[in-house]
């Protein structure tokens, strides 16, 4: 359902429109979907040790 929410937001749908289209959702669900997408998109820096041969 996260992708459905994000697709709707990306298409310009308002929270109100999404909630009307999917009555089982709450505004908290929309916030959670955005937070989840932000976490997935966050860049991580991983330090790697390079061992010499």
Protein backbone atom coordinates (compact mmCIF):
# COMPACT_ATOMS: atom_id res chain seq x y z
CA UNK A 1 0.00 0.00 0.00
CA UNK A 2 3.02 2.28 0.46
CA UNK A 3 3.56 2.44 -3.29
CA UNK A 4 -0.11 3.27 -3.87
CA UNK A 5 0.08 6.17 -1.43
CA UNK A 6 3.34 7.45 -2.89
CA UNK A 7 2.09 7.08 -6.47
CA UNK A 8 -0.97 9.12 -5.59
CA UNK A 9 1.08 11.82 -3.88
CA UNK A 10 3.50 11.95 -6.82
CA UNK A 11 0.53 12.37 -9.16
CA UNK A 12 -0.56 15.40 -7.17
CA UNK A 13 -3.37 13.87 -5.12
CA UNK A 14 -4.07 15.55 -1.80
CA UNK A 15 -4.32 13.73 1.51
CA UNK A 16 -8.06 14.30 1.35
CA UNK A 17 -8.33 12.70 -2.10
CA UNK A 18 -6.28 9.69 -1.04
CA UNK A 19 -8.33 9.21 2.13
CA UNK A 20 -11.55 9.42 0.13
CA UNK A 21 -10.30 6.89 -2.42
CA UNK A 22 -9.03 4.48 0.25
CA UNK A 23 -11.33 4.77 3.28
CA UNK A 24 -9.39 2.17 5.26
CA UNK A 25 -6.41 4.56 5.41
CA UNK A 26 -5.80 7.30 7.94
CA UNK A 27 -3.65 10.40 7.65
CA UNK A 28 -1.18 8.61 9.94
CA UNK A 29 -0.86 5.88 7.29
CA UNK A 30 0.11 8.50 4.72
CA UNK A 31 2.71 9.99 7.07
CA UNK A 32 4.08 6.51 7.76
CA UNK A 33 4.39 5.77 4.02
CA UNK A 34 6.32 9.00 3.49
CA UNK A 35 8.61 8.26 6.44
CA UNK A 36 9.25 4.75 5.14
CA UNK A 37 10.09 6.05 1.66
CA UNK A 38 12.44 8.64 3.18
CA UNK A 39 14.23 5.91 5.12
CA UNK A 40 14.66 3.82 1.97
CA UNK A 41 15.97 6.81 0.03
CA UNK A 42 18.44 7.88 2.73
CA UNK A 43 22.03 7.55 1.62
CA UNK A 44 24.35 5.51 3.77
CA UNK A 45 28.12 5.82 3.87
CA UNK A 46 29.95 2.60 4.59
CA UNK A 47 33.66 2.68 5.27
CA UNK A 48 35.60 -0.14 3.70
CA UNK A 49 39.06 -1.21 4.73
CA UNK A 50 41.26 -2.07 1.81
CA UNK A 51 43.83 -4.67 2.69
CA UNK A 52 47.06 -4.68 0.79
CA UNK A 53 48.04 -8.01 -0.75
